[in-house]
Amino acid sequence: MKYFSLQQQWVLFFIALLILGILIFKFYDHSPLPPEETVNEIVVEVLGEIQNPGIYFFKSPPGLREVIEKAGGLEKNAQIDLTFSTEVLETGTLLTVTKEYSQIPPPPSPLPPEEREKNEGPLQKGGDREMKLEEIKIRIGRMEANKLLVFSIPLDLNRVSAEDLCLIPEIGESLAQEIIGYRQKRRGFQNIGELKNVKGIGEKRYPSLKKFFIVRY
């Protein structure tokens, strides 16, 4: 059997290390991992006098004009000037576009009522003919609780109803009433942490429930 000298053994050892290093360098991905990106989309629902009612998503808080345009614009013959609107909408917002009519008196006429009726037709009581003015109004509210929960949007602890509380896992009718009773007694929650003071929640159930709520004043 042929034996290698000590010098030869060291040479073979370094060659093996070199080959191992080359293999590691070749097959190991040295590129840095990209930072984990968390994209929290803004969810807005639009209903009413709109071309395409529905729920829309935005990468950043949108303005009224941006939301209306994404929903296809207003219904035909409906107009509203949103050029100078600075309203910025948060996630969970509900926009309801309505068409309303208001009665406005006509400008004063120099003709006597008899002449006006002869030329323009019958007048209303008082001798005037009121005109209808069409007006587009946009009401800003909150989406329904069941929709908010679908999109993991927390409910306002100071406004949520007992019925909507029952939509949350681990909350039944009795616990919902305890939450409402505590809110009424304390005249509202000051922070989410107060949930721990509600009978039936405590420190044990609080961690799993706190994510479903926010507190608005």
N, C-alpha and C. Protein backbone atom coordinates (compact mmCIF):
# COMPACT_ATOMS: atom_id res chain seq x y z
N MET A 1 0.86 -1.19 0.00
CA MET A 1 0.00 0.00 0.00
C MET A 1 0.89 1.23 0.00
N LYS A 2 0.54 2.16 -0.86
CA LYS A 2 1.34 3.37 -0.99
C LYS A 2 0.84 4.40 0.00
N TYR A 3 1.77 5.00 0.74
CA TYR A 3 1.42 6.04 1.71
C TYR A 3 1.92 7.39 1.22
N PHE A 4 1.10 8.43 1.52
CA PHE A 4 1.50 9.79 1.17
C PHE A 4 2.34 10.38 2.29
N SER A 5 3.27 11.17 1.86
CA SER A 5 4.07 11.85 2.86
C SER A 5 3.25 12.94 3.53
N LEU A 6 3.76 13.43 4.65
CA LEU A 6 3.03 14.46 5.39
C LEU A 6 2.80 15.70 4.53
N GLN A 7 3.81 16.04 3.73
CA GLN A 7 3.69 17.20 2.86
C GLN A 7 2.61 16.98 1.81
N GLN A 8 2.58 15.75 1.25
CA GLN A 8 1.56 15.44 0.25
C GLN A 8 0.15 15.45 0.86
N GLN A 9 0.04 14.95 2.08
CA GLN A 9 -1.25 14.96 2.76
C GLN A 9 -1.76 16.39 2.94
N TRP A 10 -0.88 17.30 3.31
CA TRP A 10 -1.30 18.71 3.48
C TRP A 10 -1.73 19.29 2.14
N VAL A 11 -1.04 18.95 1.06
CA VAL A 11 -1.41 19.46 -0.26
C VAL A 11 -2.80 18.96 -0.64
N LEU A 12 -3.05 17.67 -0.43
CA LEU A 12 -4.36 17.09 -0.74
C LEU A 12 -5.46 17.72 0.12
N PHE A 13 -5.13 18.00 1.37
CA PHE A 13 -6.11 18.62 2.28
C PHE A 13 -6.53 20.00 1.78
N PHE A 14 -5.54 20.80 1.36
CA PHE A 14 -5.85 22.14 0.86
C PHE A 14 -6.60 22.09 -0.46
N ILE A 15 -6.29 21.10 -1.31
CA ILE A 15 -7.02 20.94 -2.57
C ILE A 15 -8.48 20.62 -2.30
N ALA A 16 -8.70 19.73 -1.33
CA ALA A 16 -10.08 19.36 -0.96
C ALA A 16 -10.83 20.57 -0.43
N LEU A 17 -10.18 21.38 0.41
CA LEU A 17 -10.82 22.60 0.93
C LEU A 17 -11.16 23.56 -0.21
N LEU A 18 -10.23 23.66 -1.19
CA LEU A 18 -10.46 24.56 -2.31
C LEU A 18 -11.66 24.11 -3.13
N ILE A 19 -11.76 22.81 -3.41
CA ILE A 19 -12.89 22.28 -4.18
C ILE A 19 -14.20 22.50 -3.42
N LEU A 20 -14.16 22.24 -2.10
CA LEU A 20 -15.36 22.44 -1.28
C LEU A 20 -15.80 23.90 -1.30
N GLY A 21 -14.83 24.82 -1.22
CA GLY A 21 -15.15 26.25 -1.26
C GLY A 21 -15.78 26.66 -2.58
N ILE A 22 -15.25 26.10 -3.69
CA ILE A 22 -15.79 26.41 -5.01
C ILE A 22 -17.24 25.93 -5.13
N LEU A 23 -17.48 24.72 -4.64
CA LEU A 23 -18.84 24.18 -4.71
C LEU A 23 -19.82 25.01 -3.88
N ILE A 24 -19.40 25.39 -2.69
CA ILE A 24 -20.27 26.21 -1.84
C ILE A 24 -20.56 27.55 -2.50
N PHE A 25 -19.52 28.17 -3.05
CA PHE A 25 -19.70 29.48 -3.68
C PHE A 25 -20.62 29.39 -4.89
N LYS A 26 -20.53 28.26 -5.62
CA LYS A 26 -21.31 28.10 -6.85
C LYS A 26 -22.79 27.88 -6.57
N PHE A 27 -23.07 27.07 -5.57
CA PHE A 27 -24.46 26.67 -5.35
C PHE A 27 -25.17 27.46 -4.24
N TYR A 28 -24.44 28.23 -3.48
CA TYR A 28 -25.07 29.00 -2.42
C TYR A 28 -25.43 30.39 -2.94
N ASP A 29 -26.64 30.80 -2.69
CA ASP A 29 -27.11 32.10 -3.16
C ASP A 29 -26.65 33.18 -2.18
N HIS A 30 -25.73 34.04 -2.66
CA HIS A 30 -25.17 35.08 -1.80
C HIS A 30 -25.96 36.38 -1.86
N SER A 31 -26.91 36.46 -2.75
CA SER A 31 -27.65 37.72 -2.88
C SER A 31 -28.46 37.97 -1.63
N PRO A 32 -28.46 39.22 -1.13
CA PRO A 32 -29.20 39.52 0.09
C PRO A 32 -30.70 39.35 -0.13
N LEU A 33 -31.38 38.90 0.90
CA LEU A 33 -32.82 38.74 0.80
C LEU A 33 -33.50 40.10 0.78
N PRO A 34 -34.47 40.28 -0.10
CA PRO A 34 -35.17 41.56 -0.13
C PRO A 34 -35.96 41.76 1.14
N PRO A 35 -36.07 43.01 1.59
CA PRO A 35 -36.84 43.25 2.81
C PRO A 35 -38.28 42.86 2.62
N GLU A 36 -38.86 42.30 3.66
CA GLU A 36 -40.25 41.86 3.58
C GLU A 36 -41.16 43.08 3.51
N GLU A 37 -41.96 43.12 2.48
CA GLU A 37 -42.84 44.26 2.28
C GLU A 37 -44.24 43.92 2.77
N THR A 38 -44.78 44.80 3.57
CA THR A 38 -46.15 44.63 4.05
C THR A 38 -47.02 45.69 3.39
N VAL A 39 -47.90 45.23 2.53
CA VAL A 39 -48.77 46.15 1.81
C VAL A 39 -50.16 46.12 2.44
N ASN A 40 -50.54 47.18 3.08
CA ASN A 40 -51.86 47.29 3.67
C ASN A 40 -52.73 48.11 2.73
N GLU A 41 -53.58 47.42 1.98
CA GLU A 41 -54.42 48.11 1.02
C GLU A 41 -55.54 48.86 1.71
N ILE A 42 -55.90 49.99 1.12
CA ILE A 42 -57.01 50.80 1.61
C ILE A 42 -58.27 50.32 0.91
N VAL A 43 -59.27 49.94 1.68
CA VAL A 43 -60.51 49.39 1.14
C VAL A 43 -61.61 50.45 1.26
N VAL A 44 -62.26 50.76 0.13
CA VAL A 44 -63.34 51.75 0.11
C VAL A 44 -64.51 51.18 -0.69
N GLU A 45 -65.71 51.32 -0.14
CA GLU A 45 -66.91 50.88 -0.84
C GLU A 45 -67.69 52.09 -1.34
N VAL A 46 -68.22 51.98 -2.55
CA VAL A 46 -68.99 53.07 -3.17
C VAL A 46 -70.36 52.54 -3.58
N LEU A 47 -71.41 53.24 -3.19
CA LEU A 47 -72.78 52.86 -3.53
C LEU A 47 -73.56 54.06 -4.03
N GLY A 48 -74.69 53.79 -4.67
CA GLY A 48 -75.59 54.87 -5.09
C GLY A 48 -75.46 55.26 -6.54
N GLU A 49 -75.53 56.55 -6.80
CA GLU A 49 -75.55 57.09 -8.16
C GLU A 49 -74.15 57.06 -8.77
N ILE A 50 -73.66 55.84 -9.01
CA ILE A 50 -72.31 55.65 -9.50
C ILE A 50 -72.36 54.61 -10.61
N GLN A 51 -71.45 54.73 -11.58
CA GLN A 51 -71.46 53.81 -12.71
C GLN A 51 -71.22 52.36 -12.30
N ASN A 52 -70.25 52.13 -11.45
CA ASN A 52 -69.89 50.77 -11.06
C ASN A 52 -69.79 50.67 -9.54
N PRO A 53 -70.90 50.53 -8.85
CA PRO A 53 -70.86 50.40 -7.39
C PRO A 53 -70.06 49.16 -6.99
N GLY A 54 -69.39 49.25 -5.87
CA GLY A 54 -68.63 48.08 -5.42
C GLY A 54 -67.56 48.47 -4.43
N ILE A 55 -66.66 47.52 -4.17
CA ILE A 55 -65.55 47.71 -3.24
C ILE A 55 -64.26 47.83 -4.04
N TYR A 56 -63.46 48.85 -3.70
CA TYR A 56 -62.24 49.13 -4.45
C TYR A 56 -61.05 49.21 -3.50
N PHE A 57 -59.87 48.91 -4.07
CA PHE A 57 -58.65 48.84 -3.27
C PHE A 57 -57.64 49.87 -3.77
N PHE A 58 -56.93 50.47 -2.81
CA PHE A 58 -55.94 51.50 -3.12
C PHE A 58 -54.68 51.24 -2.31
N LYS A 59 -53.54 51.58 -2.89
CA LYS A 59 -52.28 51.37 -2.21
C LYS A 59 -52.00 52.43 -1.15
N SER A 60 -52.64 53.59 -1.28
CA SER A 60 -52.50 54.65 -0.29
C SER A 60 -53.86 55.32 -0.12
N PRO A 61 -54.07 56.03 0.98
CA PRO A 61 -55.37 56.67 1.23
C PRO A 61 -55.78 57.58 0.06
N PRO A 62 -56.91 57.28 -0.59
CA PRO A 62 -57.33 58.05 -1.77
C PRO A 62 -58.18 59.25 -1.40
N GLY A 63 -58.32 60.17 -2.35
CA GLY A 63 -59.24 61.29 -2.20
C GLY A 63 -60.59 60.93 -2.81
N LEU A 64 -61.57 61.78 -2.58
CA LEU A 64 -62.91 61.54 -3.12
C LEU A 64 -62.88 61.39 -4.63
N ARG A 65 -62.17 62.27 -5.28
CA ARG A 65 -62.14 62.27 -6.74
C ARG A 65 -61.55 60.97 -7.27
N GLU A 66 -60.48 60.48 -6.65
CA GLU A 66 -59.84 59.25 -7.10
C GLU A 66 -60.78 58.06 -6.98
N VAL A 67 -61.53 58.01 -5.87
CA VAL A 67 -62.45 56.90 -5.66
C VAL A 67 -63.59 56.93 -6.68
N ILE A 68 -64.16 58.12 -6.89
CA ILE A 68 -65.26 58.26 -7.85
C ILE A 68 -64.82 57.86 -9.25
N GLU A 69 -63.62 58.28 -9.63
CA GLU A 69 -63.11 57.94 -10.96
C GLU A 69 -62.86 56.44 -11.10
N LYS A 70 -62.35 55.81 -10.06
CA LYS A 70 -62.08 54.37 -10.13
C LYS A 70 -63.38 53.58 -10.22
N ALA A 71 -64.46 54.13 -9.67
CA ALA A 71 -65.76 53.47 -9.73
C ALA A 71 -66.51 53.80 -11.02
N GLY A 72 -65.82 54.38 -11.98
CA GLY A 72 -66.44 54.65 -13.27
C GLY A 72 -67.09 56.00 -13.40
N GLY A 73 -67.05 56.81 -12.35
CA GLY A 73 -67.68 58.12 -12.42
C GLY A 73 -69.14 58.06 -12.01
N LEU A 74 -69.74 59.24 -11.93
CA LEU A 74 -71.14 59.34 -11.55
C LEU A 74 -72.05 58.84 -12.66
N GLU A 75 -73.30 58.57 -12.28
CA GLU A 75 -74.30 58.16 -13.26
C GLU A 75 -74.46 59.26 -14.30
N LYS A 76 -75.04 58.90 -15.44
CA LYS A 76 -75.24 59.86 -16.51
C LYS A 76 -76.09 61.03 -16.02
N ASN A 77 -75.75 62.19 -16.50
CA ASN A 77 -76.45 63.44 -16.18
C ASN A 77 -76.23 63.91 -14.75
N ALA A 78 -75.40 63.21 -13.99
CA ALA A 78 -75.08 63.63 -12.62
C ALA A 78 -73.71 64.30 -12.63
N GLN A 79 -73.62 65.42 -11.98
CA GLN A 79 -72.37 66.16 -11.98
C GLN A 79 -72.09 66.69 -10.58
N ILE A 80 -70.80 66.68 -10.23
CA ILE A 80 -70.36 67.27 -8.98
C ILE A 80 -68.90 67.67 -9.14
N ASP A 81 -68.55 68.81 -8.61
CA ASP A 81 -67.19 69.31 -8.77
C ASP A 81 -66.33 68.87 -7.58
N LEU A 82 -65.39 67.97 -7.86
CA LEU A 82 -64.50 67.47 -6.81
C LEU A 82 -63.07 67.96 -7.02
N THR A 83 -62.91 68.96 -7.88
CA THR A 83 -61.57 69.43 -8.24
C THR A 83 -60.79 69.89 -7.02
N PHE A 84 -61.47 70.59 -6.11
CA PHE A 84 -60.77 71.18 -4.98
C PHE A 84 -61.00 70.39 -3.68
N SER A 85 -61.50 69.19 -3.81
CA SER A 85 -61.74 68.38 -2.62
C SER A 85 -60.42 67.89 -2.03
N THR A 86 -60.25 68.08 -0.72
CA THR A 86 -59.04 67.64 -0.03
C THR A 86 -59.32 66.48 0.93
N GLU A 87 -60.53 65.96 0.87
CA GLU A 87 -60.92 64.86 1.75
C GLU A 87 -60.11 63.61 1.42
N VAL A 88 -59.44 63.04 2.44
CA VAL A 88 -58.68 61.81 2.27
C VAL A 88 -59.39 60.71 3.05
N LEU A 89 -59.60 59.58 2.39
CA LEU A 89 -60.42 58.52 2.96
C LEU A 89 -59.56 57.42 3.58
N GLU A 90 -60.00 56.90 4.70
CA GLU A 90 -59.30 55.82 5.36
C GLU A 90 -59.93 54.49 4.98
N THR A 91 -59.23 53.42 5.30
CA THR A 91 -59.74 52.10 4.96
C THR A 91 -61.03 51.81 5.73
N GLY A 92 -61.96 51.15 5.04
CA GLY A 92 -63.25 50.85 5.65
C GLY A 92 -64.31 51.91 5.41
N THR A 93 -63.97 52.93 4.61
CA THR A 93 -64.91 54.02 4.34
C THR A 93 -66.00 53.56 3.37
N LEU A 94 -67.21 54.02 3.61
CA LEU A 94 -68.33 53.80 2.69
C LEU A 94 -68.78 55.14 2.13
N LEU A 95 -68.75 55.26 0.81
CA LEU A 95 -69.26 56.45 0.13
C LEU A 95 -70.63 56.14 -0.45
N THR A 96 -71.62 56.94 -0.11
CA THR A 96 -72.96 56.78 -0.66
C THR A 96 -73.29 58.03 -1.46
N VAL A 97 -73.43 57.86 -2.77
CA VAL A 97 -73.71 58.98 -3.67
C VAL A 97 -75.22 59.01 -3.92
N THR A 98 -75.86 60.12 -3.56
CA THR A 98 -77.31 60.24 -3.72
C THR A 98 -77.65 61.46 -4.57
N LYS A 99 -78.79 61.35 -5.21
CA LYS A 99 -79.31 62.45 -6.01
C LYS A 99 -80.54 63.00 -5.29
N GLU A 100 -80.48 64.23 -4.89
CA GLU A 100 -81.57 64.84 -4.14
C GLU A 100 -82.09 66.07 -4.87
N TYR A 101 -83.33 66.39 -4.57
CA TYR A 101 -83.97 67.54 -5.20
C TYR A 101 -84.41 68.52 -4.12
N SER A 102 -84.18 69.77 -4.37
CA SER A 102 -84.63 70.80 -3.44
C SER A 102 -85.45 71.84 -4.20
N GLN A 103 -86.43 72.40 -3.52
CA GLN A 103 -87.30 73.40 -4.12
C GLN A 103 -86.70 74.79 -3.93
N ILE A 104 -86.58 75.51 -5.01
CA ILE A 104 -86.07 76.88 -4.91
C ILE A 104 -87.08 77.82 -5.57
N PRO A 105 -87.28 78.99 -4.99
CA PRO A 105 -88.22 79.93 -5.59
C PRO A 105 -87.63 80.55 -6.84
N PRO A 106 -88.48 80.89 -7.80
CA PRO A 106 -87.98 81.52 -9.04
C PRO A 106 -87.61 82.97 -8.77
N PRO A 107 -86.84 83.56 -9.65
CA PRO A 107 -86.54 84.98 -9.49
C PRO A 107 -87.82 85.79 -9.65
N PRO A 108 -87.90 86.94 -8.97
CA PRO A 108 -89.12 87.76 -9.06
C PRO A 108 -89.41 88.19 -10.50
N SER A 109 -90.69 88.10 -10.87
CA SER A 109 -91.11 88.47 -12.22
C SER A 109 -91.78 89.84 -12.20
N PRO A 110 -91.48 90.68 -13.20
CA PRO A 110 -92.12 92.00 -13.25
C PRO A 110 -93.59 91.91 -13.67
N LEU A 111 -94.03 90.75 -14.19
CA LEU A 111 -95.41 90.61 -14.65
C LEU A 111 -96.33 90.31 -13.49
N PRO A 112 -97.56 90.79 -13.53
CA PRO A 112 -98.55 90.46 -12.51
C PRO A 112 -98.91 88.98 -12.62
N PRO A 113 -99.41 88.37 -11.52
CA PRO A 113 -99.74 86.93 -11.53
C PRO A 113 -100.65 86.52 -12.67
N GLU A 114 -101.64 87.41 -13.06
CA GLU A 114 -102.56 87.05 -14.13
C GLU A 114 -101.83 86.86 -15.45
N GLU A 115 -100.91 87.76 -15.74
CA GLU A 115 -100.15 87.67 -16.99
C GLU A 115 -99.21 86.47 -16.97
N ARG A 116 -98.60 86.21 -15.82
CA ARG A 116 -97.68 85.08 -15.72
C ARG A 116 -98.42 83.76 -15.91
N GLU A 117 -99.60 83.64 -15.33
CA GLU A 117 -100.37 82.41 -15.46
C GLU A 117 -100.81 82.20 -16.90
N LYS A 118 -101.09 83.30 -17.59
CA LYS A 118 -101.51 83.21 -18.97
C LYS A 118 -100.36 82.74 -19.85
N ASN A 119 -99.16 83.22 -19.55
CA ASN A 119 -98.00 82.90 -20.38
C ASN A 119 -97.31 81.59 -19.97
N GLU A 120 -97.31 81.26 -18.64
CA GLU A 120 -96.52 80.14 -18.14
C GLU A 120 -97.35 78.98 -17.63
N GLY A 121 -98.66 79.11 -17.56
CA GLY A 121 -99.50 78.05 -17.02
C GLY A 121 -99.87 78.32 -15.57
N PRO A 122 -100.63 77.39 -14.95
CA PRO A 122 -101.09 77.59 -13.57
C PRO A 122 -99.95 77.78 -12.59
N LEU A 123 -100.14 78.71 -11.66
CA LEU A 123 -99.14 78.98 -10.63
C LEU A 123 -99.49 78.23 -9.35
N GLN A 124 -98.46 78.01 -8.50
CA GLN A 124 -98.72 77.39 -7.22
C GLN A 124 -99.32 78.41 -6.27
N LYS A 125 -99.75 77.90 -5.11
CA LYS A 125 -100.33 78.77 -4.11
C LYS A 125 -99.33 79.85 -3.72
N GLY A 126 -99.78 81.07 -3.69
CA GLY A 126 -98.89 82.19 -3.38
C GLY A 126 -98.46 82.93 -4.62
N GLY A 127 -98.83 82.42 -5.80
CA GLY A 127 -98.51 83.13 -7.03
C GLY A 127 -97.12 82.87 -7.57
N ASP A 128 -96.40 81.91 -7.00
CA ASP A 128 -95.04 81.60 -7.46
C ASP A 128 -94.99 80.19 -8.03
N ARG A 129 -94.05 79.97 -8.92
CA ARG A 129 -93.82 78.64 -9.45
C ARG A 129 -92.43 78.19 -9.00
N GLU A 130 -92.38 77.25 -8.04
CA GLU A 130 -91.10 76.79 -7.53
C GLU A 130 -90.43 75.84 -8.53
N MET A 131 -89.12 75.87 -8.53
CA MET A 131 -88.34 75.03 -9.42
C MET A 131 -87.59 73.98 -8.62
N LYS A 132 -87.40 72.80 -9.22
CA LYS A 132 -86.66 71.74 -8.58
C LYS A 132 -85.18 71.81 -8.98
N LEU A 133 -84.32 71.79 -7.98
CA LEU A 133 -82.88 71.81 -8.22
C LEU A 133 -82.30 70.45 -7.88
N GLU A 134 -81.66 69.82 -8.85
CA GLU A 134 -81.05 68.51 -8.62
C GLU A 134 -79.67 68.70 -8.02
N GLU A 135 -79.40 67.97 -6.95
CA GLU A 135 -78.14 68.13 -6.25
C GLU A 135 -77.57 66.74 -5.93
N ILE A 136 -76.26 66.57 -6.21
CA ILE A 136 -75.58 65.32 -5.90
C ILE A 136 -74.88 65.48 -4.55
N LYS A 137 -75.14 64.55 -3.66
CA LYS A 137 -74.51 64.58 -2.34
C LYS A 137 -73.74 63.27 -2.11
N ILE A 138 -72.60 63.41 -1.45
CA ILE A 138 -71.79 62.24 -1.12
C ILE A 138 -71.70 62.14 0.40
N ARG A 139 -72.23 61.06 0.93
CA ARG A 139 -72.18 60.83 2.37
C ARG A 139 -71.03 59.88 2.69
N ILE A 140 -70.27 60.22 3.70
CA ILE A 140 -69.12 59.42 4.11
C ILE A 140 -69.45 58.69 5.41
N GLY A 141 -69.39 57.37 5.37
CA GLY A 141 -69.67 56.57 6.56
C GLY A 141 -68.72 55.39 6.65
N ARG A 142 -69.15 54.33 7.32
CA ARG A 142 -68.35 53.13 7.48
C ARG A 142 -69.03 51.95 6.83
N MET A 143 -68.25 51.05 6.30
CA MET A 143 -68.78 49.83 5.72
C MET A 143 -69.45 48.98 6.79
N GLU A 144 -70.31 48.06 6.38
CA GLU A 144 -70.97 47.18 7.32
C GLU A 144 -69.93 46.32 8.05
N ALA A 145 -70.27 45.95 9.29
CA ALA A 145 -69.32 45.23 10.14
C ALA A 145 -68.86 43.92 9.50
N ASN A 146 -69.77 43.19 8.88
CA ASN A 146 -69.37 41.91 8.29
C ASN A 146 -68.35 42.10 7.17
N LYS A 147 -68.47 43.19 6.42
CA LYS A 147 -67.51 43.46 5.35
C LYS A 147 -66.16 43.91 5.93
N LEU A 148 -66.21 44.71 6.99
CA LEU A 148 -64.97 45.14 7.63
C LEU A 148 -64.17 43.93 8.13
N LEU A 149 -64.87 42.99 8.72
CA LEU A 149 -64.20 41.81 9.26
C LEU A 149 -63.61 40.94 8.16
N VAL A 150 -64.29 40.87 7.03
CA VAL A 150 -63.77 40.09 5.90
C VAL A 150 -62.41 40.62 5.46
N PHE A 151 -62.25 41.95 5.48
CA PHE A 151 -61.00 42.57 5.04
C PHE A 151 -60.07 42.88 6.21
N SER A 152 -60.34 42.25 7.37
CA SER A 152 -59.49 42.41 8.56
C SER A 152 -59.35 43.86 8.98
N ILE A 153 -60.44 44.61 8.85
CA ILE A 153 -60.48 46.00 9.29
C ILE A 153 -61.16 46.03 10.66
N PRO A 154 -60.50 46.55 11.69
CA PRO A 154 -61.08 46.51 13.04
C PRO A 154 -62.34 47.36 13.18
N LEU A 155 -63.19 46.96 14.12
CA LEU A 155 -64.43 47.66 14.39
C LEU A 155 -64.22 48.69 15.50
N ASP A 156 -64.97 49.77 15.43
CA ASP A 156 -64.88 50.82 16.44
C ASP A 156 -65.56 50.33 17.72
N LEU A 157 -64.80 50.13 18.76
CA LEU A 157 -65.32 49.58 20.00
C LEU A 157 -66.35 50.49 20.65
N ASN A 158 -66.32 51.77 20.33
CA ASN A 158 -67.27 52.70 20.92
C ASN A 158 -68.55 52.87 20.10
N ARG A 159 -68.65 52.20 18.96
CA ARG A 159 -69.84 52.34 18.12
C ARG A 159 -70.42 51.01 17.65
N VAL A 160 -69.69 49.94 17.79
CA VAL A 160 -70.16 48.65 17.30
C VAL A 160 -71.38 48.20 18.10
N SER A 161 -72.32 47.59 17.41
CA SER A 161 -73.55 47.11 18.05
C SER A 161 -73.34 45.72 18.64
N ALA A 162 -74.25 45.32 19.52
CA ALA A 162 -74.18 43.99 20.11
C ALA A 162 -74.32 42.92 19.03
N GLU A 163 -75.17 43.19 18.06
CA GLU A 163 -75.38 42.24 16.97
C GLU A 163 -74.09 42.03 16.17
N ASP A 164 -73.39 43.14 15.89
CA ASP A 164 -72.15 43.03 15.13
C ASP A 164 -71.03 42.40 15.95
N LEU A 165 -71.05 42.60 17.26
CA LEU A 165 -70.05 41.96 18.12
C LEU A 165 -70.13 40.45 18.02
N CYS A 166 -71.32 39.94 17.82
CA CYS A 166 -71.52 38.49 17.74
C CYS A 166 -70.94 37.89 16.46
N LEU A 167 -70.53 38.74 15.52
CA LEU A 167 -69.88 38.25 14.31
C LEU A 167 -68.43 37.85 14.56
N ILE A 168 -67.88 38.28 15.69
CA ILE A 168 -66.48 38.04 16.01
C ILE A 168 -66.34 36.68 16.71
N PRO A 169 -65.38 35.88 16.28
CA PRO A 169 -65.15 34.59 16.95
C PRO A 169 -64.92 34.78 18.45
N GLU A 170 -65.43 33.88 19.25
CA GLU A 170 -65.30 33.88 20.71
C GLU A 170 -66.26 34.84 21.40
N ILE A 171 -67.01 35.62 20.64
CA ILE A 171 -67.96 36.54 21.27
C ILE A 171 -69.38 36.07 20.98
N GLY A 172 -70.07 35.67 22.03
CA GLY A 172 -71.47 35.29 21.90
C GLY A 172 -72.37 36.42 22.38
N GLU A 173 -73.64 36.13 22.48
CA GLU A 173 -74.62 37.16 22.85
C GLU A 173 -74.38 37.70 24.26
N SER A 174 -74.07 36.82 25.19
CA SER A 174 -73.88 37.27 26.57
C SER A 174 -72.64 38.14 26.72
N LEU A 175 -71.54 37.74 26.06
CA LEU A 175 -70.32 38.55 26.14
C LEU A 175 -70.50 39.88 25.41
N ALA A 176 -71.24 39.86 24.31
CA ALA A 176 -71.52 41.11 23.58
C ALA A 176 -72.27 42.09 24.49
N GLN A 177 -73.22 41.59 25.26
CA GLN A 177 -73.98 42.44 26.18
C GLN A 177 -73.08 42.96 27.30
N GLU A 178 -72.12 42.15 27.73
CA GLU A 178 -71.18 42.61 28.76
C GLU A 178 -70.34 43.77 28.23
N ILE A 179 -69.91 43.67 26.97
CA ILE A 179 -69.10 44.74 26.36
C ILE A 179 -69.92 46.02 26.24
N ILE A 180 -71.16 45.90 25.76
CA ILE A 180 -72.02 47.06 25.62
C ILE A 180 -72.32 47.68 26.98
N GLY A 181 -72.58 46.82 27.98
CA GLY A 181 -72.86 47.32 29.33
C GLY A 181 -71.68 48.07 29.91
N TYR A 182 -70.47 47.54 29.73
CA TYR A 182 -69.27 48.22 30.22
C TYR A 182 -69.10 49.56 29.52
N ARG A 183 -69.34 49.58 28.21
CA ARG A 183 -69.20 50.83 27.44
C ARG A 183 -70.17 51.89 27.93
N GLN A 184 -71.40 51.50 28.19
CA GLN A 184 -72.40 52.46 28.67
C GLN A 184 -72.07 52.96 30.06
N LYS A 185 -71.61 52.06 30.90
CA LYS A 185 -71.28 52.44 32.28
C LYS A 185 -70.11 53.39 32.33
N ARG A 186 -69.12 53.14 31.49
CA ARG A 186 -67.90 53.96 31.48
C ARG A 186 -67.99 55.13 30.50
N ARG A 187 -69.11 55.22 29.80
CA ARG A 187 -69.30 56.26 28.79
C ARG A 187 -68.24 56.17 27.70
N GLY A 188 -68.00 54.96 27.28
CA GLY A 188 -67.07 54.72 26.18
C GLY A 188 -65.75 54.15 26.65
N PHE A 189 -65.10 53.43 25.74
CA PHE A 189 -63.76 52.90 25.99
C PHE A 189 -62.73 53.98 25.70
N GLN A 190 -61.74 54.08 26.57
CA GLN A 190 -60.65 55.03 26.34
C GLN A 190 -59.50 54.40 25.56
N ASN A 191 -59.37 53.09 25.64
CA ASN A 191 -58.35 52.38 24.89
C ASN A 191 -58.74 50.91 24.80
N ILE A 192 -58.08 50.18 23.91
CA ILE A 192 -58.39 48.77 23.69
C ILE A 192 -58.11 47.94 24.94
N GLY A 193 -57.12 48.34 25.70
CA GLY A 193 -56.74 47.59 26.89
C GLY A 193 -57.86 47.44 27.90
N GLU A 194 -58.85 48.33 27.85
CA GLU A 194 -59.97 48.24 28.79
C GLU A 194 -60.81 46.99 28.57
N LEU A 195 -60.66 46.35 27.44
CA LEU A 195 -61.39 45.11 27.20
C LEU A 195 -61.09 44.07 28.28
N LYS A 196 -59.89 44.13 28.84
CA LYS A 196 -59.51 43.17 29.87
C LYS A 196 -60.36 43.32 31.12
N ASN A 197 -60.99 44.49 31.27
CA ASN A 197 -61.82 44.73 32.44
C ASN A 197 -63.24 44.22 32.28
N VAL A 198 -63.58 43.83 31.06
CA VAL A 198 -64.94 43.33 30.79
C VAL A 198 -65.07 41.90 31.32
N LYS A 199 -66.14 41.66 32.04
CA LYS A 199 -66.39 40.33 32.59
C LYS A 199 -66.49 39.30 31.45
N GLY A 200 -65.69 38.26 31.55
CA GLY A 200 -65.70 37.21 30.53
C GLY A 200 -64.55 37.31 29.55
N ILE A 201 -63.75 38.38 29.64
CA ILE A 201 -62.59 38.53 28.75
C ILE A 201 -61.31 38.35 29.56
N GLY A 202 -60.95 39.34 30.34
CA GLY A 202 -59.76 39.22 31.17
C GLY A 202 -58.48 39.08 30.37
N GLU A 203 -57.40 38.75 31.10
CA GLU A 203 -56.08 38.63 30.48
C GLU A 203 -56.01 37.44 29.52
N LYS A 204 -56.82 36.41 29.76
CA LYS A 204 -56.72 35.19 28.99
C LYS A 204 -57.25 35.35 27.57
N ARG A 205 -58.42 35.99 27.42
CA ARG A 205 -59.04 36.10 26.10
C ARG A 205 -58.69 37.39 25.38
N TYR A 206 -58.13 38.33 26.10
CA TYR A 206 -57.82 39.64 25.50
C TYR A 206 -56.89 39.55 24.29
N PRO A 207 -55.78 38.78 24.34
CA PRO A 207 -54.86 38.76 23.18
C PRO A 207 -55.52 38.34 21.87
N SER A 208 -56.49 37.43 21.93
CA SER A 208 -57.12 36.96 20.70
C SER A 208 -58.24 37.87 20.21
N LEU A 209 -58.69 38.80 21.06
CA LEU A 209 -59.80 39.69 20.68
C LEU A 209 -59.36 41.10 20.30
N LYS A 210 -58.22 41.54 20.82
CA LYS A 210 -57.84 42.94 20.65
C LYS A 210 -57.66 43.35 19.18
N LYS A 211 -57.27 42.38 18.32
CA LYS A 211 -57.01 42.70 16.91
C LYS A 211 -58.28 43.08 16.15
N PHE A 212 -59.44 42.78 16.71
CA PHE A 212 -60.70 43.06 16.02
C PHE A 212 -61.22 44.47 16.28
N PHE A 213 -60.52 45.25 17.11
CA PHE A 213 -61.09 46.53 17.53
C PHE A 213 -60.10 47.70 17.44
N ILE A 214 -60.67 48.87 17.29
CA ILE A 214 -59.98 50.13 17.47
C ILE A 214 -60.87 51.01 18.35
N VAL A 215 -60.33 52.08 18.88
CA VAL A 215 -61.10 53.00 19.69
C VAL A 215 -61.07 54.37 19.05
N ARG A 216 -62.24 54.89 18.72
CA ARG A 216 -62.35 56.25 18.17
C ARG A 216 -63.10 57.11 19.18
N TYR A 217 -62.72 58.37 19.21
CA TYR A 217 -63.37 59.28 20.16
C TYR A 217 -64.35 60.18 19.43
